[in-house]
């Protein structure tokens, strides 16, 4: 495991800033994840299909290539990236001392 060291003039202030930044980033990620899930839910309701089933079809070239299909696939990918980022931040922050 790698270690990151910061030299700061005031440790208490630095810890406060880092904590506030972590909370803000988590809030922004959670908000983005919520909005993305809502968009996916809208696609699912319109097409009568779960996103996971759609992605299976998309990955096999069976979902078409119209604009709505591409947007649905992009939102699904965005959700996976956002969730992965949230997990990575949580893991990293849990190791901070």
Protein backbone atom coordinates (compact mmCIF):
# COMPACT_ATOMS: atom_id res chain seq x y z
CA UNK A 1 0.00 0.00 0.00
CA UNK A 2 1.26 3.45 -0.87
CA UNK A 3 1.29 6.35 1.58
CA UNK A 4 0.55 9.98 0.78
CA UNK A 5 2.05 12.60 3.06
CA UNK A 6 0.98 16.22 3.13
CA UNK A 7 2.93 19.04 4.72
CA UNK A 8 0.48 21.60 6.01
CA UNK A 9 0.89 24.59 8.31
CA UNK A 10 -2.18 23.66 10.38
CA UNK A 11 -3.09 19.98 10.75
CA UNK A 12 -6.49 20.63 12.32
CA UNK A 13 -7.55 22.94 9.48
CA UNK A 14 -6.22 20.51 6.86
CA UNK A 15 -8.17 17.62 8.39
CA UNK A 16 -11.31 19.77 8.41
CA UNK A 17 -10.87 20.75 4.77
CA UNK A 18 -10.23 17.15 3.70
CA UNK A 19 -13.26 15.92 5.65
CA UNK A 20 -15.52 18.58 4.15
CA UNK A 21 -14.18 17.82 0.66
CA UNK A 22 -14.89 14.13 1.13
CA UNK A 23 -18.44 14.80 2.27
CA UNK A 24 -19.05 17.19 -0.63
CA UNK A 25 -17.68 14.71 -3.17
CA UNK A 26 -19.80 11.92 -1.71
CA UNK A 27 -22.89 14.13 -1.85
CA UNK A 28 -22.23 15.05 -5.48
CA UNK A 29 -21.64 11.42 -6.43
CA UNK A 30 -24.81 10.30 -4.65
CA UNK A 31 -26.79 13.02 -6.41
CA UNK A 32 -25.38 12.02 -9.80
CA UNK A 33 -26.08 8.35 -9.12
CA UNK A 34 -29.67 9.17 -8.13
CA UNK A 35 -30.26 11.21 -11.32
CA UNK A 36 -28.70 8.53 -13.50
CA UNK A 37 -30.81 5.80 -11.92
CA UNK A 38 -33.91 7.91 -12.57
CA UNK A 39 -32.98 8.24 -16.24
CA UNK A 40 -32.45 4.49 -16.47
CA UNK A 41 -35.82 3.90 -14.82
CA UNK A 42 -37.45 6.14 -17.44
CA UNK A 43 -35.86 4.11 -20.27
CA UNK A 44 -36.94 0.86 -18.60
CA UNK A 45 -40.53 2.03 -18.31
CA UNK A 46 -40.65 3.22 -21.93
CA UNK A 47 -39.17 0.00 -23.32
CA UNK A 48 -40.58 -2.47 -20.78
CA UNK A 49 -37.15 -3.95 -20.14
CA UNK A 50 -34.62 -3.88 -17.30
CA UNK A 51 -31.35 -2.08 -18.04
CA UNK A 52 -29.30 -5.23 -17.45
CA UNK A 53 -31.33 -7.09 -20.11
CA UNK A 54 -31.00 -4.13 -22.46
CA UNK A 55 -27.22 -4.04 -22.02
CA UNK A 56 -26.98 -7.75 -22.82
CA UNK A 57 -28.85 -7.09 -26.07
CA UNK A 58 -26.81 -3.94 -26.74
CA UNK A 59 -23.50 -5.73 -26.19
CA UNK A 60 -24.59 -8.42 -28.65
CA UNK A 61 -25.62 -5.87 -31.29
CA UNK A 62 -29.33 -6.64 -30.92
CA UNK A 63 -30.62 -3.36 -29.45
CA UNK A 64 -30.36 -1.13 -32.50
CA UNK A 65 -28.42 2.08 -32.89
CA UNK A 66 -30.99 4.86 -32.66
CA UNK A 67 -30.41 7.89 -30.43
CA UNK A 68 -32.50 6.57 -27.52
CA UNK A 69 -30.58 3.29 -27.54
CA UNK A 70 -27.24 5.08 -27.46
CA UNK A 71 -28.39 7.37 -24.65
CA UNK A 72 -29.62 4.41 -22.61
CA UNK A 73 -26.31 2.61 -23.05
CA UNK A 74 -24.39 5.78 -22.13
CA UNK A 75 -26.46 6.30 -18.96
CA UNK A 76 -25.91 2.68 -17.95
CA UNK A 77 -22.16 3.04 -18.43
CA UNK A 78 -22.18 6.35 -16.54
CA UNK A 79 -23.90 4.67 -13.59
CA UNK A 80 -21.27 1.95 -13.44
CA UNK A 81 -18.46 4.54 -13.53
CA UNK A 82 -20.10 6.67 -10.82
CA UNK A 83 -20.68 3.68 -8.55
CA UNK A 84 -17.11 2.52 -9.04
CA UNK A 85 -15.80 5.98 -8.19
CA UNK A 86 -17.92 6.04 -5.03
CA UNK A 87 -16.53 2.66 -3.94
CA UNK A 88 -12.96 3.79 -4.60
CA UNK A 89 -13.42 7.00 -2.62
CA UNK A 90 -15.01 5.15 0.28
CA UNK A 91 -12.17 2.61 0.31
CA UNK A 92 -9.53 5.32 0.17
CA UNK A 93 -11.14 7.44 2.87
CA UNK A 94 -11.59 4.47 5.19
CA UNK A 95 -7.81 4.06 5.19
CA UNK A 96 -7.05 7.69 6.09
CA UNK A 97 -5.62 8.27 9.53
